[in-house]
N, C-alpha and C. Protein backbone atom coordinates (compact mmCIF):
# COMPACT_ATOMS: atom_id res chain seq x y z
N UNK A 1 96.14 -44.50 50.02
CA UNK A 1 95.07 -45.49 49.96
C UNK A 1 94.43 -45.43 48.58
N UNK A 2 94.07 -46.59 48.08
CA UNK A 2 93.45 -46.69 46.76
C UNK A 2 91.93 -46.71 46.91
N UNK A 3 91.27 -45.94 46.06
CA UNK A 3 89.82 -45.88 46.09
C UNK A 3 89.27 -46.40 44.77
N UNK A 4 88.70 -47.58 44.82
CA UNK A 4 88.19 -48.25 43.64
C UNK A 4 86.66 -48.32 43.73
N UNK A 5 86.00 -47.81 42.70
CA UNK A 5 84.54 -47.80 42.72
C UNK A 5 83.95 -49.19 42.85
N UNK A 6 84.67 -50.22 42.39
CA UNK A 6 84.13 -51.57 42.50
C UNK A 6 83.97 -52.00 43.96
N UNK A 7 84.80 -51.45 44.86
CA UNK A 7 84.61 -51.73 46.28
C UNK A 7 83.29 -51.15 46.77
N UNK A 8 82.97 -49.94 46.33
CA UNK A 8 81.69 -49.32 46.73
C UNK A 8 80.52 -50.13 46.21
N UNK A 9 80.61 -50.58 44.97
CA UNK A 9 79.54 -51.39 44.39
C UNK A 9 79.34 -52.65 45.23
N UNK A 10 80.42 -53.33 45.52
CA UNK A 10 80.35 -54.57 46.29
C UNK A 10 79.76 -54.33 47.68
N UNK A 11 80.25 -53.31 48.37
CA UNK A 11 79.77 -53.03 49.72
C UNK A 11 78.30 -52.61 49.71
N UNK A 12 77.94 -51.73 48.79
CA UNK A 12 76.54 -51.28 48.72
C UNK A 12 75.62 -52.45 48.41
N UNK A 13 75.97 -53.23 47.40
CA UNK A 13 75.11 -54.33 47.01
C UNK A 13 75.01 -55.38 48.11
N UNK A 14 76.08 -55.59 48.85
CA UNK A 14 76.03 -56.51 49.99
C UNK A 14 75.05 -55.99 51.05
N UNK A 15 75.06 -54.68 51.27
CA UNK A 15 74.19 -54.09 52.30
C UNK A 15 72.72 -54.02 51.87
N UNK A 16 72.45 -53.77 50.58
CA UNK A 16 71.10 -53.38 50.20
C UNK A 16 70.45 -54.13 49.03
N UNK A 17 71.20 -54.92 48.28
CA UNK A 17 70.60 -55.58 47.11
C UNK A 17 69.43 -56.48 47.52
N UNK A 18 69.61 -57.28 48.54
CA UNK A 18 68.55 -58.20 48.95
C UNK A 18 67.44 -57.47 49.71
N UNK A 19 67.79 -56.62 50.65
CA UNK A 19 66.79 -56.00 51.51
C UNK A 19 66.00 -54.87 50.84
N UNK A 20 66.61 -54.19 49.86
CA UNK A 20 65.92 -53.07 49.20
C UNK A 20 65.82 -53.25 47.69
N UNK A 21 66.23 -54.42 47.19
CA UNK A 21 66.17 -54.70 45.75
C UNK A 21 66.83 -53.56 44.95
N UNK A 22 67.92 -53.04 45.48
CA UNK A 22 68.60 -51.89 44.88
C UNK A 22 70.07 -52.22 44.70
N UNK A 23 70.58 -51.83 43.52
CA UNK A 23 72.00 -52.08 43.22
C UNK A 23 72.66 -50.79 42.77
N UNK A 24 73.92 -50.67 43.13
CA UNK A 24 74.77 -49.57 42.67
C UNK A 24 75.47 -50.03 41.40
N UNK A 25 75.43 -49.19 40.35
CA UNK A 25 76.02 -49.56 39.06
C UNK A 25 76.81 -48.41 38.47
N UNK A 26 77.89 -48.76 37.83
CA UNK A 26 78.70 -47.77 37.10
C UNK A 26 77.99 -47.43 35.80
N UNK A 27 77.92 -46.13 35.49
CA UNK A 27 77.34 -45.70 34.23
C UNK A 27 78.38 -45.01 33.36
N UNK A 28 78.02 -44.80 32.11
CA UNK A 28 78.92 -44.13 31.17
C UNK A 28 78.49 -42.71 30.87
N UNK A 29 77.41 -42.28 31.49
CA UNK A 29 76.87 -40.96 31.18
C UNK A 29 76.50 -40.27 32.49
N UNK A 30 75.49 -39.43 32.46
CA UNK A 30 75.05 -38.71 33.65
C UNK A 30 74.50 -39.68 34.69
N UNK A 31 74.67 -39.36 35.97
CA UNK A 31 74.12 -40.22 37.01
C UNK A 31 72.59 -40.16 37.02
N UNK A 32 71.98 -41.25 37.46
CA UNK A 32 70.52 -41.31 37.50
C UNK A 32 70.10 -42.43 38.45
N UNK A 33 68.94 -42.25 39.07
CA UNK A 33 68.32 -43.33 39.84
C UNK A 33 67.15 -43.85 39.02
N UNK A 34 67.12 -45.16 38.82
CA UNK A 34 66.07 -45.79 38.01
C UNK A 34 65.37 -46.86 38.84
N UNK A 35 64.08 -46.68 39.11
CA UNK A 35 63.36 -47.73 39.83
C UNK A 35 63.15 -48.95 38.94
N UNK A 36 62.89 -50.07 39.57
CA UNK A 36 62.60 -51.30 38.82
C UNK A 36 61.44 -51.05 37.86
N UNK A 37 61.46 -51.77 36.76
CA UNK A 37 60.38 -51.62 35.77
C UNK A 37 60.10 -52.99 35.13
N UNK A 38 59.38 -52.98 34.02
CA UNK A 38 59.02 -54.23 33.35
C UNK A 38 60.21 -54.94 32.72
N UNK A 39 61.31 -54.22 32.51
CA UNK A 39 62.48 -54.80 31.86
C UNK A 39 63.54 -55.21 32.87
N UNK A 40 63.81 -54.35 33.84
CA UNK A 40 64.83 -54.63 34.86
C UNK A 40 64.14 -54.70 36.21
N UNK A 41 64.32 -55.83 36.89
CA UNK A 41 63.52 -56.10 38.10
C UNK A 41 64.10 -55.54 39.39
N UNK A 42 65.16 -54.76 39.31
CA UNK A 42 65.72 -54.15 40.52
C UNK A 42 65.93 -52.65 40.30
N UNK A 43 65.96 -51.92 41.40
CA UNK A 43 66.24 -50.49 41.36
C UNK A 43 67.74 -50.31 41.13
N UNK A 44 68.10 -49.20 40.42
CA UNK A 44 69.50 -48.97 40.09
C UNK A 44 69.92 -47.55 40.44
N UNK A 45 71.01 -47.44 41.16
CA UNK A 45 71.68 -46.17 41.38
C UNK A 45 72.85 -46.17 40.41
N UNK A 46 72.76 -45.36 39.37
CA UNK A 46 73.78 -45.34 38.34
C UNK A 46 74.64 -44.09 38.54
N UNK A 47 75.93 -44.31 38.77
CA UNK A 47 76.83 -43.16 38.98
C UNK A 47 77.68 -42.93 37.74
N UNK A 48 78.28 -41.76 37.65
CA UNK A 48 78.93 -41.30 36.42
C UNK A 48 80.35 -41.81 36.24
N UNK A 49 80.60 -42.43 35.11
CA UNK A 49 81.94 -42.70 34.57
C UNK A 49 82.91 -43.41 35.51
N UNK A 50 82.42 -44.13 36.47
CA UNK A 50 83.33 -44.82 37.37
C UNK A 50 83.99 -43.93 38.40
N UNK A 51 83.46 -42.74 38.61
CA UNK A 51 84.04 -41.81 39.59
C UNK A 51 83.61 -42.20 40.99
N UNK A 52 84.59 -42.39 41.86
CA UNK A 52 84.34 -42.76 43.25
C UNK A 52 83.44 -41.72 43.93
N UNK A 53 83.76 -40.43 43.74
CA UNK A 53 82.97 -39.36 44.35
C UNK A 53 81.53 -39.36 43.84
N UNK A 54 81.34 -39.64 42.57
CA UNK A 54 79.99 -39.69 42.01
C UNK A 54 79.19 -40.82 42.65
N UNK A 55 79.84 -41.96 42.85
CA UNK A 55 79.15 -43.09 43.49
C UNK A 55 78.71 -42.70 44.90
N UNK A 56 79.59 -42.08 45.67
CA UNK A 56 79.23 -41.66 47.03
C UNK A 56 78.08 -40.66 47.01
N UNK A 57 78.13 -39.72 46.07
CA UNK A 57 77.08 -38.69 45.98
C UNK A 57 75.73 -39.31 45.64
N UNK A 58 75.72 -40.19 44.65
CA UNK A 58 74.45 -40.80 44.24
C UNK A 58 73.90 -41.72 45.33
N UNK A 59 74.75 -42.44 46.01
CA UNK A 59 74.30 -43.27 47.13
C UNK A 59 73.71 -42.39 48.22
N UNK A 60 74.33 -41.24 48.49
CA UNK A 60 73.82 -40.33 49.53
C UNK A 60 72.39 -39.89 49.20
N UNK A 61 72.11 -39.62 47.94
CA UNK A 61 70.74 -39.25 47.56
C UNK A 61 69.78 -40.41 47.87
N UNK A 62 70.19 -41.62 47.57
CA UNK A 62 69.34 -42.79 47.85
C UNK A 62 69.13 -42.96 49.35
N UNK A 63 70.18 -42.71 50.13
CA UNK A 63 70.08 -42.88 51.57
C UNK A 63 69.13 -41.86 52.21
N UNK A 64 68.93 -40.73 51.57
CA UNK A 64 68.01 -39.70 52.07
C UNK A 64 66.58 -39.97 51.61
N UNK A 65 66.43 -40.54 50.43
CA UNK A 65 65.11 -40.71 49.81
C UNK A 65 64.23 -41.67 50.60
N UNK A 66 62.98 -41.27 50.78
CA UNK A 66 62.01 -42.13 51.45
C UNK A 66 61.42 -43.16 50.51
N UNK A 67 60.53 -43.98 51.05
CA UNK A 67 59.92 -45.07 50.27
C UNK A 67 59.27 -44.58 48.98
N UNK A 68 58.44 -43.55 49.07
CA UNK A 68 57.72 -43.06 47.89
C UNK A 68 58.69 -42.49 46.86
N UNK A 69 59.69 -41.76 47.29
CA UNK A 69 60.67 -41.17 46.37
C UNK A 69 61.44 -42.26 45.62
N UNK A 70 61.70 -43.38 46.28
CA UNK A 70 62.48 -44.44 45.65
C UNK A 70 61.67 -45.21 44.59
N UNK A 71 60.42 -44.87 44.39
CA UNK A 71 59.63 -45.48 43.31
C UNK A 71 59.63 -44.62 42.05
N UNK A 72 60.31 -43.46 42.10
CA UNK A 72 60.29 -42.51 40.99
C UNK A 72 61.69 -42.32 40.40
N UNK A 73 61.75 -42.14 39.07
CA UNK A 73 63.04 -41.86 38.45
C UNK A 73 63.63 -40.59 39.04
N UNK A 74 64.92 -40.66 39.39
CA UNK A 74 65.63 -39.57 40.07
C UNK A 74 64.86 -39.04 41.27
N UNK A 75 64.12 -39.94 41.90
CA UNK A 75 63.37 -39.67 43.13
C UNK A 75 62.29 -38.61 42.94
N UNK A 76 61.97 -38.28 41.69
CA UNK A 76 60.92 -37.30 41.41
C UNK A 76 61.32 -35.86 41.69
N UNK A 77 62.61 -35.62 41.89
CA UNK A 77 63.06 -34.26 42.21
C UNK A 77 63.20 -33.41 40.97
N UNK A 78 63.00 -32.13 41.18
CA UNK A 78 63.27 -31.12 40.17
C UNK A 78 64.77 -31.01 40.02
N UNK A 79 65.24 -30.89 38.82
CA UNK A 79 66.65 -30.64 38.59
C UNK A 79 66.81 -29.67 37.45
N UNK A 80 67.49 -28.60 37.72
CA UNK A 80 67.83 -27.63 36.69
C UNK A 80 69.33 -27.77 36.46
N UNK A 81 69.75 -28.06 35.23
CA UNK A 81 71.17 -28.33 34.99
C UNK A 81 72.06 -27.09 35.17
N UNK A 82 73.35 -27.34 35.07
CA UNK A 82 74.36 -26.30 35.15
C UNK A 82 73.94 -25.11 34.28
N UNK A 83 74.16 -23.91 34.80
CA UNK A 83 73.75 -22.68 34.12
C UNK A 83 72.61 -22.00 34.87
N UNK A 84 72.42 -22.35 36.14
CA UNK A 84 71.31 -21.81 36.94
C UNK A 84 71.54 -20.35 37.30
N UNK A 85 70.42 -19.61 37.43
CA UNK A 85 70.49 -18.24 37.94
C UNK A 85 70.52 -18.30 39.47
N UNK A 86 70.57 -17.15 40.12
CA UNK A 86 70.70 -17.10 41.57
C UNK A 86 69.60 -17.82 42.32
N UNK A 87 68.35 -17.62 41.93
CA UNK A 87 67.23 -18.27 42.62
C UNK A 87 67.26 -19.78 42.38
N UNK A 88 67.52 -20.20 41.16
CA UNK A 88 67.60 -21.63 40.87
C UNK A 88 68.75 -22.28 41.66
N UNK A 89 69.86 -21.55 41.80
CA UNK A 89 70.98 -22.08 42.57
C UNK A 89 70.62 -22.23 44.04
N UNK A 90 69.90 -21.28 44.60
CA UNK A 90 69.45 -21.38 46.00
C UNK A 90 68.55 -22.59 46.18
N UNK A 91 67.64 -22.83 45.23
CA UNK A 91 66.77 -24.00 45.29
C UNK A 91 67.58 -25.29 45.20
N UNK A 92 68.54 -25.32 44.29
CA UNK A 92 69.41 -26.49 44.13
C UNK A 92 70.14 -26.79 45.44
N UNK A 93 70.76 -25.77 46.01
CA UNK A 93 71.52 -25.97 47.24
C UNK A 93 70.61 -26.40 48.38
N UNK A 94 69.38 -25.90 48.40
CA UNK A 94 68.43 -26.28 49.45
C UNK A 94 68.14 -27.77 49.47
N UNK A 95 68.05 -28.39 48.30
CA UNK A 95 67.77 -29.84 48.26
C UNK A 95 69.05 -30.67 48.34
N UNK A 96 70.21 -30.04 48.24
CA UNK A 96 71.48 -30.75 48.27
C UNK A 96 72.11 -30.80 49.66
N UNK A 97 71.63 -30.03 50.61
CA UNK A 97 72.28 -29.97 51.93
C UNK A 97 72.29 -31.34 52.60
N UNK A 98 71.16 -32.00 52.70
CA UNK A 98 71.11 -33.30 53.39
C UNK A 98 71.92 -34.37 52.67
N UNK A 99 71.74 -34.55 51.36
CA UNK A 99 72.55 -35.58 50.71
C UNK A 99 74.05 -35.29 50.79
N UNK A 100 74.44 -34.03 50.68
CA UNK A 100 75.87 -33.75 50.74
C UNK A 100 76.42 -33.89 52.16
N UNK A 101 75.58 -33.68 53.17
CA UNK A 101 76.02 -33.95 54.55
C UNK A 101 76.29 -35.44 54.71
N UNK A 102 75.42 -36.27 54.15
CA UNK A 102 75.62 -37.71 54.22
C UNK A 102 76.81 -38.12 53.35
N UNK A 103 76.95 -37.52 52.18
CA UNK A 103 78.10 -37.81 51.33
C UNK A 103 79.41 -37.49 52.06
N UNK A 104 79.44 -36.39 52.79
CA UNK A 104 80.64 -36.03 53.55
C UNK A 104 80.95 -37.12 54.57
N UNK A 105 79.91 -37.58 55.27
CA UNK A 105 80.11 -38.65 56.26
C UNK A 105 80.60 -39.93 55.58
N UNK A 106 80.00 -40.29 54.44
CA UNK A 106 80.44 -41.47 53.71
C UNK A 106 81.90 -41.34 53.29
N UNK A 107 82.27 -40.16 52.82
CA UNK A 107 83.65 -39.91 52.41
C UNK A 107 84.60 -40.11 53.58
N UNK A 108 84.24 -39.57 54.73
CA UNK A 108 85.08 -39.74 55.92
C UNK A 108 85.20 -41.21 56.30
N UNK A 109 84.11 -41.95 56.13
CA UNK A 109 84.13 -43.38 56.46
C UNK A 109 85.02 -44.18 55.53
N UNK A 110 85.37 -43.59 54.39
CA UNK A 110 86.29 -44.23 53.44
C UNK A 110 87.71 -43.68 53.58
N UNK A 111 87.86 -42.53 54.26
CA UNK A 111 89.14 -41.85 54.27
C UNK A 111 89.36 -41.09 52.97
N UNK A 112 88.28 -40.74 52.29
CA UNK A 112 88.29 -40.08 50.98
C UNK A 112 87.99 -38.59 51.17
N UNK A 113 88.71 -37.73 50.46
CA UNK A 113 88.51 -36.28 50.59
C UNK A 113 87.16 -35.87 50.01
N UNK A 114 86.40 -35.10 50.78
CA UNK A 114 85.09 -34.62 50.35
C UNK A 114 85.21 -33.21 49.80
N UNK A 115 84.57 -32.97 48.67
CA UNK A 115 84.43 -31.63 48.10
C UNK A 115 82.96 -31.32 47.95
N UNK A 116 82.52 -30.24 48.56
CA UNK A 116 81.14 -29.82 48.39
C UNK A 116 80.92 -29.50 46.91
N UNK A 117 79.73 -29.78 46.40
CA UNK A 117 79.43 -29.54 44.99
C UNK A 117 78.31 -28.55 44.83
N UNK A 118 78.65 -27.39 44.27
CA UNK A 118 77.62 -26.40 43.94
C UNK A 118 77.09 -26.64 42.53
N UNK A 119 77.84 -27.39 41.71
CA UNK A 119 77.38 -27.90 40.42
C UNK A 119 76.77 -26.82 39.54
N UNK A 120 77.45 -25.67 39.40
CA UNK A 120 76.91 -24.60 38.56
C UNK A 120 78.05 -23.81 37.93
N UNK A 121 78.86 -24.50 37.14
CA UNK A 121 80.05 -23.86 36.55
C UNK A 121 79.69 -22.78 35.55
N UNK A 122 78.55 -22.90 34.88
CA UNK A 122 78.17 -21.94 33.84
C UNK A 122 77.00 -21.05 34.24
N UNK A 123 76.76 -20.93 35.54
CA UNK A 123 75.64 -20.13 36.02
C UNK A 123 75.89 -18.64 35.91
N UNK A 124 74.83 -17.88 36.08
CA UNK A 124 74.93 -16.43 35.97
C UNK A 124 75.52 -15.79 37.23
N UNK A 125 75.56 -16.55 38.32
CA UNK A 125 76.17 -16.06 39.56
C UNK A 125 77.17 -17.11 40.06
N UNK A 126 78.21 -16.64 40.70
CA UNK A 126 79.20 -17.54 41.29
C UNK A 126 78.66 -18.04 42.63
N UNK A 127 78.47 -19.35 42.80
CA UNK A 127 77.98 -19.87 44.08
C UNK A 127 78.99 -19.60 45.20
N UNK A 128 78.48 -19.38 46.39
CA UNK A 128 79.33 -19.18 47.56
C UNK A 128 79.62 -20.55 48.17
N UNK A 129 80.69 -21.19 47.71
CA UNK A 129 81.04 -22.55 48.15
C UNK A 129 81.26 -22.63 49.65
N UNK A 130 81.88 -21.60 50.22
CA UNK A 130 82.18 -21.62 51.66
C UNK A 130 80.89 -21.57 52.49
N UNK A 131 79.97 -20.72 52.09
CA UNK A 131 78.70 -20.63 52.81
C UNK A 131 77.91 -21.92 52.68
N UNK A 132 77.91 -22.49 51.47
CA UNK A 132 77.18 -23.74 51.26
C UNK A 132 77.82 -24.87 52.06
N UNK A 133 79.15 -24.95 52.08
CA UNK A 133 79.82 -25.99 52.84
C UNK A 133 79.52 -25.84 54.33
N UNK A 134 79.39 -24.61 54.82
CA UNK A 134 79.05 -24.39 56.23
C UNK A 134 77.66 -24.94 56.53
N UNK A 135 76.71 -24.77 55.60
CA UNK A 135 75.37 -25.31 55.78
C UNK A 135 75.38 -26.85 55.75
N UNK A 136 76.17 -27.41 54.86
CA UNK A 136 76.29 -28.87 54.77
C UNK A 136 76.91 -29.40 56.07
N UNK A 137 77.92 -28.71 56.58
CA UNK A 137 78.56 -29.11 57.84
C UNK A 137 77.57 -29.06 58.99
N UNK A 138 76.78 -27.99 59.03
CA UNK A 138 75.76 -27.85 60.09
C UNK A 138 74.81 -29.04 60.08
N UNK A 139 74.38 -29.45 58.88
CA UNK A 139 73.49 -30.61 58.76
C UNK A 139 74.21 -31.89 59.18
N UNK A 140 75.47 -32.04 58.79
CA UNK A 140 76.24 -33.23 59.17
C UNK A 140 76.37 -33.31 60.69
N UNK A 141 76.62 -32.18 61.33
CA UNK A 141 76.74 -32.17 62.79
C UNK A 141 75.40 -32.48 63.45
N UNK A 142 74.31 -32.02 62.83
CA UNK A 142 72.97 -32.36 63.34
C UNK A 142 72.77 -33.88 63.26
N UNK A 143 73.10 -34.47 62.12
CA UNK A 143 72.99 -35.92 61.98
C UNK A 143 73.87 -36.63 63.01
N UNK A 144 75.07 -36.13 63.20
CA UNK A 144 75.99 -36.76 64.15
C UNK A 144 75.39 -36.75 65.56
N UNK A 145 74.75 -35.66 65.91
CA UNK A 145 74.14 -35.52 67.24
C UNK A 145 72.84 -36.31 67.37
N UNK A 146 71.97 -36.23 66.34
CA UNK A 146 70.64 -36.83 66.40
C UNK A 146 70.58 -38.24 65.81
N UNK A 147 71.60 -38.60 65.07
CA UNK A 147 71.62 -39.91 64.42
C UNK A 147 71.41 -39.78 62.92
N UNK A 148 72.26 -40.44 62.18
CA UNK A 148 72.09 -40.49 60.73
C UNK A 148 70.92 -41.42 60.42
N UNK A 149 70.28 -41.25 59.25
CA UNK A 149 69.23 -42.19 58.87
C UNK A 149 69.75 -43.63 58.93
N UNK A 150 68.86 -44.57 59.21
CA UNK A 150 69.26 -45.96 59.46
C UNK A 150 70.05 -46.57 58.30
N UNK A 151 69.59 -46.37 57.07
CA UNK A 151 70.34 -46.94 55.93
C UNK A 151 71.72 -46.32 55.82
N UNK A 152 71.81 -45.01 56.11
CA UNK A 152 73.12 -44.34 56.08
C UNK A 152 74.04 -44.95 57.14
N UNK A 153 73.50 -45.21 58.32
CA UNK A 153 74.31 -45.82 59.37
C UNK A 153 74.82 -47.19 58.95
N UNK A 154 73.97 -47.97 58.29
CA UNK A 154 74.37 -49.29 57.82
C UNK A 154 75.54 -49.19 56.85
N UNK A 155 75.42 -48.30 55.88
CA UNK A 155 76.47 -48.18 54.87
C UNK A 155 77.73 -47.56 55.46
N UNK A 156 77.57 -46.58 56.34
CA UNK A 156 78.73 -45.96 56.99
C UNK A 156 79.52 -47.01 57.77
N UNK A 157 78.82 -47.88 58.47
CA UNK A 157 79.49 -48.94 59.22
C UNK A 157 80.28 -49.86 58.29
N UNK A 158 79.67 -50.25 57.18
CA UNK A 158 80.35 -51.13 56.22
C UNK A 158 81.59 -50.45 55.65
N UNK A 159 81.47 -49.16 55.33
CA UNK A 159 82.62 -48.42 54.78
C UNK A 159 83.74 -48.28 55.81
N UNK A 160 83.39 -47.90 57.03
CA UNK A 160 84.41 -47.74 58.09
C UNK A 160 85.15 -49.06 58.31
N UNK A 161 84.41 -50.15 58.33
CA UNK A 161 85.04 -51.46 58.54
C UNK A 161 85.96 -51.81 57.39
N UNK A 162 85.49 -51.62 56.16
CA UNK A 162 86.29 -51.96 54.97
C UNK A 162 87.55 -51.10 54.87
N UNK A 163 87.40 -49.80 55.12
CA UNK A 163 88.52 -48.86 54.96
C UNK A 163 89.28 -48.60 56.26
N UNK A 164 88.91 -49.30 57.33
CA UNK A 164 89.61 -49.19 58.62
C UNK A 164 89.65 -47.74 59.11
N UNK A 165 88.49 -47.10 59.14
CA UNK A 165 88.39 -45.71 59.57
C UNK A 165 87.74 -45.63 60.95
N UNK A 166 88.10 -44.61 61.73
CA UNK A 166 87.53 -44.46 63.07
C UNK A 166 86.09 -43.93 63.01
N UNK A 167 85.41 -43.98 64.12
CA UNK A 167 84.07 -43.40 64.23
C UNK A 167 84.15 -41.89 64.00
N UNK A 168 83.07 -41.33 63.53
CA UNK A 168 83.03 -39.90 63.24
C UNK A 168 82.83 -39.09 64.52
N UNK A 169 83.45 -37.92 64.54
CA UNK A 169 83.28 -36.96 65.63
C UNK A 169 83.00 -35.60 65.00
N UNK A 170 82.62 -34.64 65.81
CA UNK A 170 82.39 -33.29 65.30
C UNK A 170 83.66 -32.74 64.63
N UNK A 171 84.82 -33.10 65.17
CA UNK A 171 86.08 -32.61 64.61
C UNK A 171 86.34 -33.20 63.22
N UNK A 172 85.71 -34.30 62.90
CA UNK A 172 85.87 -34.91 61.58
C UNK A 172 85.39 -33.97 60.48
N UNK A 173 84.39 -33.15 60.80
CA UNK A 173 83.76 -32.27 59.80
C UNK A 173 84.35 -30.86 59.90
N UNK A 174 85.62 -30.74 59.63
CA UNK A 174 86.26 -29.41 59.76
C UNK A 174 86.15 -28.65 58.45
N UNK A 175 85.97 -27.35 58.59
CA UNK A 175 85.92 -26.49 57.42
C UNK A 175 87.34 -26.15 57.04
């Protein structure tokens, strides 16, 4: 199956451009969320270099963000770049569990392979990818049982329909 980022842009913008004044856009640099301002009248989710996985990841952050967060650049979150120490990495992973659980679900809805991201290649400690993925899976299973956020459900439905994927089950999230 071919995975083209332009399909994600089209599907996302169809789902949310009118109702949330938000568009998904390909960027040439680091990903960023930019709220509307005096120059550009719509909110932008900018993903990195045309990477399909980056688009899914950045959309997942938007799907988690509440109304107030969506008025702030990068949702107002703290971000410490690659090279984090152990405590900084724990903080990073703590805020990444929910978005990566949704990203995993989005990936499954596309039939696209999900890789958990610890995003700390130059850190002072080696992240425990398996432990982090288990936490992300636990959150995904919680969402599956309790319901994904409404916007996530909307986009998941559009992706499943476009990519002809089945509904998600607990077995979908295998370690």
